[in-house]
Amino acid sequence: MPTTTASPTAPATTQAQPVPPPSVHTRVLLTWLAVFTALTVVQLAIGPYVTGLPMLLRTLVITGIVVPAVVYGLLPNLLRIRTATLRRLR
């Protein structure tokens, strides 16, 4: 059975240019945007249900929802959008 090897004259596949990681300032801005958005949505959604709770318990409930949403959902998506946008601009 013959083996196939890539021809040295075959055109190279184009690879996407690597995008440098975001600066500290960009990460702060994206994190703030994600946290602000998540806090606003969660406050509007469950605010009426937690108004009777003590402040510390209310904060615990809200941050228990917001922090995982930001870390696992919003920030990775914002970073993906940033990378895709920078690749298109290049």
C-alpha atoms as a PDB file:
ATOM      1  CA  MET A   1       0.000   0.000   0.000  1.00  0.00           C
ATOM      2  CA  PRO A   2       1.593   3.294  -1.029  1.00  0.00           C
ATOM      3  CA  THR A   3       1.992   5.974   1.568  1.00  0.00           C
ATOM      4  CA  THR A   4       0.934   9.501   0.807  1.00  0.00           C
ATOM      5  CA  THR A   5       3.032  12.417   1.812  1.00  0.00           C
ATOM      6  CA  ALA A   6       2.417  16.085   1.394  1.00  0.00           C
ATOM      7  CA  SER A   7       4.127  17.602  -1.563  1.00  0.00           C
ATOM      8  CA  PRO A   8       6.780  20.160  -0.692  1.00  0.00           C
ATOM      9  CA  THR A   9       5.343  22.401  -3.389  1.00  0.00           C
ATOM     10  CA  ALA A  10       1.762  22.157  -2.088  1.00  0.00           C
ATOM     11  CA  PRO A  11       0.357  25.523  -1.038  1.00  0.00           C
ATOM     12  CA  ALA A  12       0.540  26.162   2.677  1.00  0.00           C
ATOM     13  CA  THR A  13      -2.766  26.396   4.454  1.00  0.00           C
ATOM     14  CA  THR A  14      -3.542  29.827   5.709  1.00  0.00           C
ATOM     15  CA  GLN A  15      -3.677  30.026   9.445  1.00  0.00           C
ATOM     16  CA  ALA A  16      -5.314  32.780  11.405  1.00  0.00           C
ATOM     17  CA  GLN A  17      -2.888  35.261  12.802  1.00  0.00           C
ATOM     18  CA  PRO A  18      -2.570  34.893  16.558  1.00  0.00           C
ATOM     19  CA  VAL A  19      -4.183  37.721  18.436  1.00  0.00           C
ATOM     20  CA  PRO A  20      -2.192  39.009  21.405  1.00  0.00           C
ATOM     21  CA  PRO A  21      -3.841  38.623  24.803  1.00  0.00           C
ATOM     22  CA  PRO A  22      -5.791  41.643  26.014  1.00  0.00           C
ATOM     23  CA  SER A  23      -4.023  44.280  28.044  1.00  0.00           C
ATOM     24  CA  VAL A  24      -4.837  44.731  31.702  1.00  0.00           C
ATOM     25  CA  HIS A  25      -6.924  47.771  30.808  1.00  0.00           C
ATOM     26  CA  THR A  26      -8.934  45.810  28.226  1.00  0.00           C
ATOM     27  CA  ARG A  27      -9.532  42.990  30.720  1.00  0.00           C
ATOM     28  CA  VAL A  28     -10.729  45.511  33.321  1.00  0.00           C
ATOM     29  CA  LEU A  29     -13.126  47.066  30.817  1.00  0.00           C
ATOM     30  CA  LEU A  30     -14.502  43.688  29.669  1.00  0.00           C
ATOM     31  CA  THR A  31     -14.835  42.450  33.255  1.00  0.00           C
ATOM     32  CA  TRP A  32     -16.617  45.630  34.322  1.00  0.00           C
ATOM     33  CA  LEU A  33     -18.961  45.400  31.338  1.00  0.00           C
ATOM     34  CA  ALA A  34     -19.795  41.762  32.133  1.00  0.00           C
ATOM     35  CA  VAL A  35     -20.280  42.360  35.879  1.00  0.00           C
ATOM     36  CA  PHE A  36     -22.371  45.504  35.379  1.00  0.00           C
ATOM     37  CA  THR A  37     -24.614  43.769  32.859  1.00  0.00           C
ATOM     38  CA  ALA A  38     -25.029  40.622  34.957  1.00  0.00           C
ATOM     39  CA  LEU A  39     -25.740  42.552  38.160  1.00  0.00           C
ATOM     40  CA  THR A  40     -28.345  44.694  36.431  1.00  0.00           C
ATOM     41  CA  VAL A  41     -30.135  41.704  34.915  1.00  0.00           C
ATOM     42  CA  VAL A  42     -30.050  39.664  38.146  1.00  0.00           C
ATOM     43  CA  GLN A  43     -31.228  42.630  40.240  1.00  0.00           C
ATOM     44  CA  LEU A  44     -34.148  43.156  37.884  1.00  0.00           C
ATOM     45  CA  ALA A  45     -34.981  39.445  37.752  1.00  0.00           C
ATOM     46  CA  ILE A  46     -34.751  38.417  41.403  1.00  0.00           C
ATOM     47  CA  GLY A  47     -34.666  41.743  43.214  1.00  0.00           C
ATOM     48  CA  PRO A  48     -38.321  41.607  44.262  1.00  0.00           C
ATOM     49  CA  TYR A  49     -37.839  38.104  45.689  1.00  0.00           C
ATOM     50  CA  VAL A  50     -34.828  38.939  47.877  1.00  0.00           C
ATOM     51  CA  THR A  51     -35.835  42.368  49.198  1.00  0.00           C
ATOM     52  CA  GLY A  52     -36.983  40.916  52.516  1.00  0.00           C
ATOM     53  CA  LEU A  53     -33.672  39.130  53.155  1.00  0.00           C
ATOM     54  CA  PRO A  54     -30.899  40.647  55.272  1.00  0.00           C
ATOM     55  CA  MET A  55     -28.360  42.554  53.182  1.00  0.00           C
ATOM     56  CA  LEU A  56     -25.558  39.987  53.586  1.00  0.00           C
ATOM     57  CA  LEU A  57     -27.799  37.097  52.563  1.00  0.00           C
ATOM     58  CA  ARG A  58     -29.184  39.111  49.640  1.00  0.00           C
ATOM     59  CA  THR A  59     -25.621  39.881  48.515  1.00  0.00           C
ATOM     60  CA  LEU A  60     -24.654  36.222  48.880  1.00  0.00           C
ATOM     61  CA  VAL A  61     -27.552  35.105  46.683  1.00  0.00           C
ATOM     62  CA  ILE A  62     -26.939  37.724  44.010  1.00  0.00           C
ATOM     63  CA  THR A  63     -23.171  37.197  43.835  1.00  0.00           C
ATOM     64  CA  GLY A  64     -23.722  33.438  43.845  1.00  0.00           C
ATOM     65  CA  ILE A  65     -25.577  33.874  40.564  1.00  0.00           C
ATOM     66  CA  VAL A  66     -23.534  36.696  39.024  1.00  0.00           C
ATOM     67  CA  VAL A  67     -19.978  35.448  39.590  1.00  0.00           C
ATOM     68  CA  PRO A  68     -20.380  32.058  37.849  1.00  0.00           C
ATOM     69  CA  ALA A  69     -22.364  33.698  35.038  1.00  0.00           C
ATOM     70  CA  VAL A  70     -19.583  36.208  34.444  1.00  0.00           C
ATOM     71  CA  VAL A  71     -16.668  33.795  34.801  1.00  0.00           C
ATOM     72  CA  TYR A  72     -18.094  30.885  32.807  1.00  0.00           C
ATOM     73  CA  GLY A  73     -20.411  32.653  30.389  1.00  0.00           C
ATOM     74  CA  LEU A  74     -19.991  36.343  29.776  1.00  0.00           C
ATOM     75  CA  LEU A  75     -16.223  36.886  29.905  1.00  0.00           C
ATOM     76  CA  PRO A  76     -15.256  33.956  27.657  1.00  0.00           C
ATOM     77  CA  ASN A  77     -17.802  35.133  25.099  1.00  0.00           C
ATOM     78  CA  LEU A  78     -16.617  38.739  25.283  1.00  0.00           C
ATOM     79  CA  LEU A  79     -13.015  37.577  24.798  1.00  0.00           C
ATOM     80  CA  ARG A  80     -14.080  35.415  21.840  1.00  0.00           C
ATOM     81  CA  ILE A  81     -15.872  38.392  20.271  1.00  0.00           C
ATOM     82  CA  ARG A  82     -12.784  40.550  20.834  1.00  0.00           C
ATOM     83  CA  THR A  83     -10.543  37.968  19.154  1.00  0.00           C
ATOM     84  CA  ALA A  84     -12.884  37.563  16.179  1.00  0.00           C
ATOM     85  CA  THR A  85     -13.156  41.329  15.763  1.00  0.00           C
ATOM     86  CA  LEU A  86      -9.395  41.830  15.866  1.00  0.00           C
ATOM     87  CA  ARG A  87      -8.865  39.032  13.330  1.00  0.00           C
ATOM     88  CA  ARG A  88     -11.355  40.645  10.934  1.00  0.00           C
ATOM     89  CA  LEU A  89      -9.646  44.009  11.256  1.00  0.00           C
ATOM     90  CA  ARG A  90      -6.243  42.557  10.335  1.00  0.00           C
END
